[in-house]
Amino acid sequence: MAAEPHTSPIDPTKAAYVYMQVADHIAAQIEAGTLKRGARLPGERDLAEQYGVAIGTTRRAIQELRERGLLVTLPAKGTFVVE
C-alpha cells in the first residue's frame, strides 16, 4: 500500500517557533469546531508523527494550549479539549 504524501501545516522556515505553529493550528481546529469540546486528542507520539515534528515539540505545544485554557490533561487518561 502506497503512503499518501504528508502535508503538514508546519513551515520550519517561518519566523515562529514550531511548537507555536502546532499550538496555533490545534487552537484553530478547536475554534473551527473540527475538534469538538470534550474531544480527546491523539497521543503525543501520534501528534508528532501527524505534524512531522519531534515529540518534545508536541509536548510544548500541548503545554502552551493548557496555559491558554484550551486543553486539560488527565493523568493516565489523555488530553482533552476543555468543555
PDB file of N, CA and C in Angstrom:
ATOM      1  N   MET A   1       0.848  -1.179   0.000  1.00  0.00           N
ATOM      2  CA  MET A   1       0.000   0.000   0.000  1.00  0.00           C
ATOM      3  C   MET A   1       0.893   1.241   0.000  1.00  0.00           C
ATOM      4  N   ALA A   2       0.660   2.125  -0.922  1.00  0.00           N
ATOM      5  CA  ALA A   2       1.478   3.334  -1.038  1.00  0.00           C
ATOM      6  C   ALA A   2       1.069   4.355   0.018  1.00  0.00           C
ATOM      7  N   ALA A   3       2.059   4.990   0.595  1.00  0.00           N
ATOM      8  CA  ALA A   3       1.792   6.030   1.593  1.00  0.00           C
ATOM      9  C   ALA A   3       1.336   7.295   0.891  1.00  0.00           C
ATOM     10  N   GLU A   4       0.396   7.979   1.509  1.00  0.00           N
ATOM     11  CA  GLU A   4      -0.074   9.235   0.955  1.00  0.00           C
ATOM     12  C   GLU A   4       0.946  10.316   1.243  1.00  0.00           C
ATOM     13  N   PRO A   5       1.087  11.295   0.351  1.00  0.00           N
ATOM     14  CA  PRO A   5       2.043  12.371   0.624  1.00  0.00           C
ATOM     15  C   PRO A   5       1.657  13.113   1.902  1.00  0.00           C
ATOM     16  N   HIS A   6       2.657  13.356   2.724  1.00  0.00           N
ATOM     17  CA  HIS A   6       2.423  14.025   4.014  1.00  0.00           C
ATOM     18  C   HIS A   6       2.417  15.534   3.799  1.00  0.00           C
ATOM     19  N   THR A   7       1.324  16.165   4.152  1.00  0.00           N
ATOM     20  CA  THR A   7       1.255  17.618   4.068  1.00  0.00           C
ATOM     21  C   THR A   7       1.001  18.155   5.463  1.00  0.00           C
ATOM     22  N   SER A   8       1.990  18.782   6.014  1.00  0.00           N
ATOM     23  CA  SER A   8       1.899  19.338   7.351  1.00  0.00           C
ATOM     24  C   SER A   8       1.680  20.843   7.258  1.00  0.00           C
ATOM     25  N   PRO A   9       0.856  21.396   8.148  1.00  0.00           N
ATOM     26  CA  PRO A   9       0.649  22.846   8.155  1.00  0.00           C
ATOM     27  C   PRO A   9       1.836  23.599   8.769  1.00  0.00           C
ATOM     28  N   ILE A  10       2.863  22.887   9.170  1.00  0.00           N
ATOM     29  CA  ILE A  10       4.018  23.482   9.830  1.00  0.00           C
ATOM     30  C   ILE A  10       5.052  23.887   8.789  1.00  0.00           C
ATOM     31  N   ASP A  11       5.524  25.127   8.885  1.00  0.00           N
ATOM     32  CA  ASP A  11       6.543  25.645   7.977  1.00  0.00           C
ATOM     33  C   ASP A  11       7.788  25.984   8.789  1.00  0.00           C
ATOM     34  N   PRO A  12       8.815  25.107   8.727  1.00  0.00           N
ATOM     35  CA  PRO A  12      10.009  25.351   9.537  1.00  0.00           C
ATOM     36  C   PRO A  12      10.798  26.593   9.130  1.00  0.00           C
ATOM     37  N   THR A  13      10.489  27.173   7.971  1.00  0.00           N
ATOM     38  CA  THR A  13      11.199  28.378   7.539  1.00  0.00           C
ATOM     39  C   THR A  13      10.547  29.651   8.069  1.00  0.00           C
ATOM     40  N   LYS A  14       9.364  29.531   8.671  1.00  0.00           N
ATOM     41  CA  LYS A  14       8.664  30.689   9.236  1.00  0.00           C
ATOM     42  C   LYS A  14       9.420  31.244  10.435  1.00  0.00           C
ATOM     43  N   ALA A  15       9.240  32.516  10.688  1.00  0.00           N
ATOM     44  CA  ALA A  15       9.899  33.170  11.824  1.00  0.00           C
ATOM     45  C   ALA A  15       9.057  33.015  13.090  1.00  0.00           C
ATOM     46  N   ALA A  16       8.560  31.799  13.316  1.00  0.00           N
ATOM     47  CA  ALA A  16       7.785  31.498  14.519  1.00  0.00           C
ATOM     48  C   ALA A  16       8.243  30.141  15.022  1.00  0.00           C
ATOM     49  N   TYR A  17       8.222  29.978  16.335  1.00  0.00           N
ATOM     50  CA  TYR A  17       8.603  28.685  16.898  1.00  0.00           C
ATOM     51  C   TYR A  17       7.692  27.598  16.347  1.00  0.00           C
ATOM     52  N   VAL A  18       8.257  26.430  16.083  1.00  0.00           N
ATOM     53  CA  VAL A  18       7.479  25.325  15.526  1.00  0.00           C
ATOM     54  C   VAL A  18       6.382  24.904  16.505  1.00  0.00           C
ATOM     55  N   TYR A  19       6.687  24.863  17.810  1.00  0.00           N
ATOM     56  CA  TYR A  19       5.660  24.457  18.767  1.00  0.00           C
ATOM     57  C   TYR A  19       4.485  25.434  18.762  1.00  0.00           C
ATOM     58  N   MET A  20       4.761  26.725  18.517  1.00  0.00           N
ATOM     59  CA  MET A  20       3.667  27.708  18.449  1.00  0.00           C
ATOM     60  C   MET A  20       2.825  27.487  17.202  1.00  0.00           C
ATOM     61  N   GLN A  21       3.461  27.087  16.103  1.00  0.00           N
ATOM     62  CA  GLN A  21       2.706  26.781  14.888  1.00  0.00           C
ATOM     63  C   GLN A  21       1.769  25.598  15.128  1.00  0.00           C
ATOM     64  N   VAL A  22       2.276  24.561  15.816  1.00  0.00           N
ATOM     65  CA  VAL A  22       1.445  23.395  16.134  1.00  0.00           C
ATOM     66  C   VAL A  22       0.302  23.831  17.057  1.00  0.00           C
ATOM     67  N   ALA A  23       0.623  24.581  18.105  1.00  0.00           N
ATOM     68  CA  ALA A  23      -0.397  25.041  19.057  1.00  0.00           C
ATOM     69  C   ALA A  23      -1.448  25.896  18.355  1.00  0.00           C
ATOM     70  N   ASP A  24      -1.001  26.806  17.502  1.00  0.00           N
ATOM     71  CA  ASP A  24      -1.950  27.676  16.790  1.00  0.00           C
ATOM     72  C   ASP A  24      -2.837  26.874  15.848  1.00  0.00           C
ATOM     73  N   HIS A  25      -2.283  25.840  15.215  1.00  0.00           N
ATOM     74  CA  HIS A  25      -3.078  25.016  14.301  1.00  0.00           C
ATOM     75  C   HIS A  25      -4.143  24.227  15.073  1.00  0.00           C
ATOM     76  N   ILE A  26      -3.764  23.658  16.215  1.00  0.00           N
ATOM     77  CA  ILE A  26      -4.727  22.922  17.035  1.00  0.00           C
ATOM     78  C   ILE A  26      -5.786  23.884  17.577  1.00  0.00           C
ATOM     79  N   ALA A  27      -5.368  25.074  18.013  1.00  0.00           N
ATOM     80  CA  ALA A  27      -6.319  26.079  18.514  1.00  0.00           C
ATOM     81  C   ALA A  27      -7.307  26.467  17.418  1.00  0.00           C
ATOM     82  N   ALA A  28      -6.822  26.603  16.194  1.00  0.00           N
ATOM     83  CA  ALA A  28      -7.700  26.950  15.063  1.00  0.00           C
ATOM     84  C   ALA A  28      -8.705  25.829  14.809  1.00  0.00           C
ATOM     85  N   GLN A  29      -8.276  24.573  14.971  1.00  0.00           N
ATOM     86  CA  GLN A  29      -9.195  23.443  14.796  1.00  0.00           C
ATOM     87  C   GLN A  29     -10.271  23.449  15.871  1.00  0.00           C
ATOM     88  N   ILE A  30      -9.902  23.835  17.084  1.00  0.00           N
ATOM     89  CA  ILE A  30     -10.882  23.922  18.175  1.00  0.00           C
ATOM     90  C   ILE A  30     -11.888  25.031  17.872  1.00  0.00           C
ATOM     91  N   GLU A  31     -11.385  26.196  17.462  1.00  0.00           N
ATOM     92  CA  GLU A  31     -12.261  27.333  17.158  1.00  0.00           C
ATOM     93  C   GLU A  31     -13.187  27.040  15.988  1.00  0.00           C
ATOM     94  N   ALA A  32     -12.693  26.294  14.997  1.00  0.00           N
ATOM     95  CA  ALA A  32     -13.496  25.971  13.813  1.00  0.00           C
ATOM     96  C   ALA A  32     -14.503  24.860  14.091  1.00  0.00           C
ATOM     97  N   GLY A  33     -14.337  24.167  15.228  1.00  0.00           N
ATOM     98  CA  GLY A  33     -15.254  23.083  15.547  1.00  0.00           C
ATOM     99  C   GLY A  33     -14.810  21.734  15.010  1.00  0.00           C
ATOM    100  N   THR A  34     -13.655  21.695  14.355  1.00  0.00           N
ATOM    101  CA  THR A  34     -13.125  20.425  13.867  1.00  0.00           C
ATOM    102  C   THR A  34     -12.790  19.526  15.042  1.00  0.00           C
ATOM    103  N   LEU A  35     -12.219  20.110  16.094  1.00  0.00           N
ATOM    104  CA  LEU A  35     -12.008  19.409  17.364  1.00  0.00           C
ATOM    105  C   LEU A  35     -13.113  19.882  18.302  1.00  0.00           C
ATOM    106  N   LYS A  36     -14.014  18.990  18.619  1.00  0.00           N
ATOM    107  CA  LYS A  36     -15.171  19.330  19.451  1.00  0.00           C
ATOM    108  C   LYS A  36     -14.783  19.452  20.921  1.00  0.00           C
ATOM    109  N   ARG A  37     -15.572  20.208  21.658  1.00  0.00           N
ATOM    110  CA  ARG A  37     -15.377  20.337  23.113  1.00  0.00           C
ATOM    111  C   ARG A  37     -15.510  18.957  23.741  1.00  0.00           C
ATOM    112  N   GLY A  38     -14.586  18.612  24.620  1.00  0.00           N
ATOM    113  CA  GLY A  38     -14.598  17.311  25.274  1.00  0.00           C
ATOM    114  C   GLY A  38     -13.897  16.220  24.491  1.00  0.00           C
ATOM    115  N   ALA A  39     -13.471  16.523  23.259  1.00  0.00           N
ATOM    116  CA  ALA A  39     -12.808  15.520  22.424  1.00  0.00           C
ATOM    117  C   ALA A  39     -11.417  15.196  22.958  1.00  0.00           C
ATOM    118  N   ARG A  40     -11.026  13.942  22.809  1.00  0.00           N
ATOM    119  CA  ARG A  40      -9.692  13.502  23.226  1.00  0.00           C
ATOM    120  C   ARG A  40      -8.737  13.698  22.063  1.00  0.00           C
ATOM    121  N   LEU A  41      -7.594  14.310  22.352  1.00  0.00           N
ATOM    122  CA  LEU A  41      -6.559  14.485  21.334  1.00  0.00           C
ATOM    123  C   LEU A  41      -5.789  13.187  21.152  1.00  0.00           C
ATOM    124  N   PRO A  42      -5.210  12.988  19.975  1.00  0.00           N
ATOM    125  CA  PRO A  42      -4.330  11.830  19.805  1.00  0.00           C
ATOM    126  C   PRO A  42      -3.149  11.952  20.777  1.00  0.00           C
ATOM    127  N   GLY A  43      -2.454  10.856  21.010  1.00  0.00           N
ATOM    128  CA  GLY A  43      -1.286  10.857  21.882  1.00  0.00           C
ATOM    129  C   GLY A  43      -0.175  11.734  21.330  1.00  0.00           C
ATOM    130  N   GLU A  44       0.773  12.073  22.191  1.00  0.00           N
ATOM    131  CA  GLU A  44       1.871  12.959  21.791  1.00  0.00           C
ATOM    132  C   GLU A  44       2.664  12.390  20.621  1.00  0.00           C
ATOM    133  N   ARG A  45       2.915  11.083  20.644  1.00  0.00           N
ATOM    134  CA  ARG A  45       3.667  10.461  19.545  1.00  0.00           C
ATOM    135  C   ARG A  45       2.895  10.541  18.236  1.00  0.00           C
ATOM    136  N   ASP A  46       1.588  10.305  18.310  1.00  0.00           N
ATOM    137  CA  ASP A  46       0.753  10.384  17.111  1.00  0.00           C
ATOM    138  C   ASP A  46       0.708  11.808  16.564  1.00  0.00           C
ATOM    139  N   LEU A  47       0.587  12.784  17.461  1.00  0.00           N
ATOM    140  CA  LEU A  47       0.596  14.183  17.021  1.00  0.00           C
ATOM    141  C   LEU A  47       1.938  14.544  16.389  1.00  0.00           C
ATOM    142  N   ALA A  48       3.025  14.071  16.985  1.00  0.00           N
ATOM    143  CA  ALA A  48       4.354  14.356  16.439  1.00  0.00           C
ATOM    144  C   ALA A  48       4.473  13.795  15.030  1.00  0.00           C
ATOM    145  N   GLU A  49       3.983  12.593  14.833  1.00  0.00           N
ATOM    146  CA  GLU A  49       4.019  11.979  13.506  1.00  0.00           C
ATOM    147  C   GLU A  49       3.111  12.729  12.533  1.00  0.00           C
ATOM    148  N   GLN A  50       1.934  13.095  12.987  1.00  0.00           N
ATOM    149  CA  GLN A  50       0.969  13.816  12.156  1.00  0.00           C
ATOM    150  C   GLN A  50       1.529  15.149  11.661  1.00  0.00           C
ATOM    151  N   TYR A  51       2.214  15.874  12.549  1.00  0.00           N
ATOM    152  CA  TYR A  51       2.748  17.187  12.190  1.00  0.00           C
ATOM    153  C   TYR A  51       4.176  17.124  11.652  1.00  0.00           C
ATOM    154  N   GLY A  52       4.803  15.968  11.745  1.00  0.00           N
ATOM    155  CA  GLY A  52       6.170  15.833  11.256  1.00  0.00           C
ATOM    156  C   GLY A  52       7.178  16.579  12.116  1.00  0.00           C
ATOM    157  N   VAL A  53       6.957  16.548  13.435  1.00  0.00           N
ATOM    158  CA  VAL A  53       7.835  17.249  14.373  1.00  0.00           C
ATOM    159  C   VAL A  53       8.289  16.277  15.462  1.00  0.00           C
ATOM    160  N   ALA A  54       9.206  16.721  16.305  1.00  0.00           N
ATOM    161  CA  ALA A  54       9.688  15.910  17.418  1.00  0.00           C
ATOM    162  C   ALA A  54       8.630  15.847  18.521  1.00  0.00           C
ATOM    163  N   ILE A  55       8.683  14.782  19.303  1.00  0.00           N
ATOM    164  CA  ILE A  55       7.714  14.616  20.388  1.00  0.00           C
ATOM    165  C   ILE A  55       7.814  15.753  21.412  1.00  0.00           C
ATOM    166  N   GLY A  56       9.020  16.260  21.643  1.00  0.00           N
ATOM    167  CA  GLY A  56       9.187  17.388  22.553  1.00  0.00           C
ATOM    168  C   GLY A  56       8.456  18.628  22.061  1.00  0.00           C
ATOM    169  N   THR A  57       8.369  18.781  20.758  1.00  0.00           N
ATOM    170  CA  THR A  57       7.650  19.911  20.175  1.00  0.00           C
ATOM    171  C   THR A  57       6.162  19.791  20.458  1.00  0.00           C
ATOM    172  N   THR A  58       5.608  18.572  20.316  1.00  0.00           N
ATOM    173  CA  THR A  58       4.185  18.399  20.600  1.00  0.00           C
ATOM    174  C   THR A  58       3.902  18.572  22.088  1.00  0.00           C
ATOM    175  N   ARG A  59       4.838  18.133  22.928  1.00  0.00           N
ATOM    176  CA  ARG A  59       4.653  18.320  24.371  1.00  0.00           C
ATOM    177  C   ARG A  59       4.584  19.805  24.710  1.00  0.00           C
ATOM    178  N   ARG A  60       5.463  20.578  24.104  1.00  0.00           N
ATOM    179  CA  ARG A  60       5.484  22.029  24.372  1.00  0.00           C
ATOM    180  C   ARG A  60       4.226  22.695  23.815  1.00  0.00           C
ATOM    181  N   ALA A  61       3.748  22.230  22.668  1.00  0.00           N
ATOM    182  CA  ALA A  61       2.517  22.791  22.086  1.00  0.00           C
ATOM    183  C   ALA A  61       1.321  22.501  22.992  1.00  0.00           C
ATOM    184  N   ILE A  62       1.245  21.282  23.518  1.00  0.00           N
ATOM    185  CA  ILE A  62       0.153  20.924  24.423  1.00  0.00           C
ATOM    186  C   ILE A  62       0.232  21.754  25.703  1.00  0.00           C
ATOM    187  N   GLN A  63       1.445  21.951  26.208  1.00  0.00           N
ATOM    188  CA  GLN A  63       1.624  22.793  27.398  1.00  0.00           C
ATOM    189  C   GLN A  63       1.125  24.211  27.111  1.00  0.00           C
ATOM    190  N   GLU A  64       1.463  24.738  25.958  1.00  0.00           N
ATOM    191  CA  GLU A  64       1.013  26.083  25.560  1.00  0.00           C
ATOM    192  C   GLU A  64      -0.513  26.151  25.534  1.00  0.00           C
ATOM    193  N   LEU A  65      -1.157  25.140  24.983  1.00  0.00           N
ATOM    194  CA  LEU A  65      -2.614  25.128  24.885  1.00  0.00           C
ATOM    195  C   LEU A  65      -3.272  24.947  26.254  1.00  0.00           C
ATOM    196  N   ARG A  66      -2.604  24.240  27.158  1.00  0.00           N
ATOM    197  CA  ARG A  66      -3.121  24.158  28.544  1.00  0.00           C
ATOM    198  C   ARG A  66      -3.045  25.524  29.195  1.00  0.00           C
ATOM    199  N   GLU A  67      -1.947  26.245  28.955  1.00  0.00           N
ATOM    200  CA  GLU A  67      -1.795  27.594  29.519  1.00  0.00           C
ATOM    201  C   GLU A  67      -2.832  28.558  28.946  1.00  0.00           C
ATOM    202  N   ARG A  68      -3.242  28.352  27.706  1.00  0.00           N
ATOM    203  CA  ARG A  68      -4.281  29.178  27.087  1.00  0.00           C
ATOM    204  C   ARG A  68      -5.674  28.791  27.574  1.00  0.00           C
ATOM    205  N   GLY A  69      -5.771  27.680  28.296  1.00  0.00           N
ATOM    206  CA  GLY A  69      -7.067  27.231  28.799  1.00  0.00           C
ATOM    207  C   GLY A  69      -7.881  26.455  27.792  1.00  0.00           C
ATOM    208  N   LEU A  70      -7.251  25.959  26.736  1.00  0.00           N
ATOM    209  CA  LEU A  70      -7.978  25.223  25.699  1.00  0.00           C
ATOM    210  C   LEU A  70      -7.955  23.716  25.904  1.00  0.00           C
ATOM    211  N   LEU A  71      -6.932  23.215  26.599  1.00  0.00           N
ATOM    212  CA  LEU A  71      -6.793  21.777  26.822  1.00  0.00           C
ATOM    213  C   LEU A  71      -6.613  21.484  28.299  1.00  0.00           C
ATOM    214  N   VAL A  72      -6.959  20.259  28.672  1.00  0.00           N
ATOM    215  CA  VAL A  72      -6.705  19.745  30.004  1.00  0.00           C
ATOM    216  C   VAL A  72      -6.149  18.335  29.830  1.00  0.00           C
ATOM    217  N   THR A  73      -5.109  18.013  30.617  1.00  0.00           N
ATOM    218  CA  THR A  73      -4.522  16.681  30.568  1.00  0.00           C
ATOM    219  C   THR A  73      -4.834  15.961  31.866  1.00  0.00           C
ATOM    220  N   LEU A  74      -5.418  14.783  31.735  1.00  0.00           N
ATOM    221  CA  LEU A  74      -5.751  13.957  32.893  1.00  0.00           C
ATOM    222  C   LEU A  74      -4.788  12.775  32.907  1.00  0.00           C
ATOM    223  N   PRO A  75      -3.997  12.633  33.980  1.00  0.00           N
ATOM    224  CA  PRO A  75      -3.029  11.539  34.039  1.00  0.00           C
ATOM    225  C   PRO A  75      -3.679  10.184  33.763  1.00  0.00           C
ATOM    226  N   ALA A  76      -3.026   9.387  32.942  1.00  0.00           N
ATOM    227  CA  ALA A  76      -3.444   8.033  32.567  1.00  0.00           C
ATOM    228  C   ALA A  76      -4.743   8.007  31.758  1.00  0.00           C
ATOM    229  N   LYS A  77      -5.237   9.179  31.349  1.00  0.00           N
ATOM    230  CA  LYS A  77      -6.469   9.224  30.547  1.00  0.00           C
ATOM    231  C   LYS A  77      -6.248   9.901  29.211  1.00  0.00           C
ATOM    232  N   GLY A  78      -5.476  10.972  29.189  1.00  0.00           N
ATOM    233  CA  GLY A  78      -5.212  11.665  27.938  1.00  0.00           C
ATOM    234  C   GLY A  78      -5.400  13.160  28.042  1.00  0.00           C
ATOM    235  N   THR A  79      -5.339  13.796  26.886  1.00  0.00           N
ATOM    236  CA  THR A  79      -5.501  15.248  26.798  1.00  0.00           C
ATOM    237  C   THR A  79      -6.800  15.530  26.062  1.00  0.00           C
ATOM    238  N   PHE A  80      -7.588  16.433  26.630  1.00  0.00           N
ATOM    239  CA  PHE A  80      -8.930  16.707  26.113  1.00  0.00           C
ATOM    240  C   PHE A  80      -9.119  18.197  25.873  1.00  0.00           C
ATOM    241  N   VAL A  81     -10.002  18.507  24.919  1.00  0.00           N
ATOM    242  CA  VAL A  81     -10.416  19.873  24.676  1.00  0.00           C
ATOM    243  C   VAL A  81     -11.326  20.278  25.827  1.00  0.00           C
ATOM    244  N   VAL A  82     -11.092  21.438  26.398  1.00  0.00           N
ATOM    245  CA  VAL A  82     -11.902  21.918  27.526  1.00  0.00           C
ATOM    246  C   VAL A  82     -13.334  22.138  27.057  1.00  0.00           C
ATOM    247  N   GLU A  83     -14.265  21.737  27.898  1.00  0.00           N
ATOM    248  CA  GLU A  83     -15.685  21.893  27.545  1.00  0.00           C
ATOM    249  C   GLU A  83     -16.215  23.254  27.919  1.00  0.00           C
TER     250      GLU A  83
END
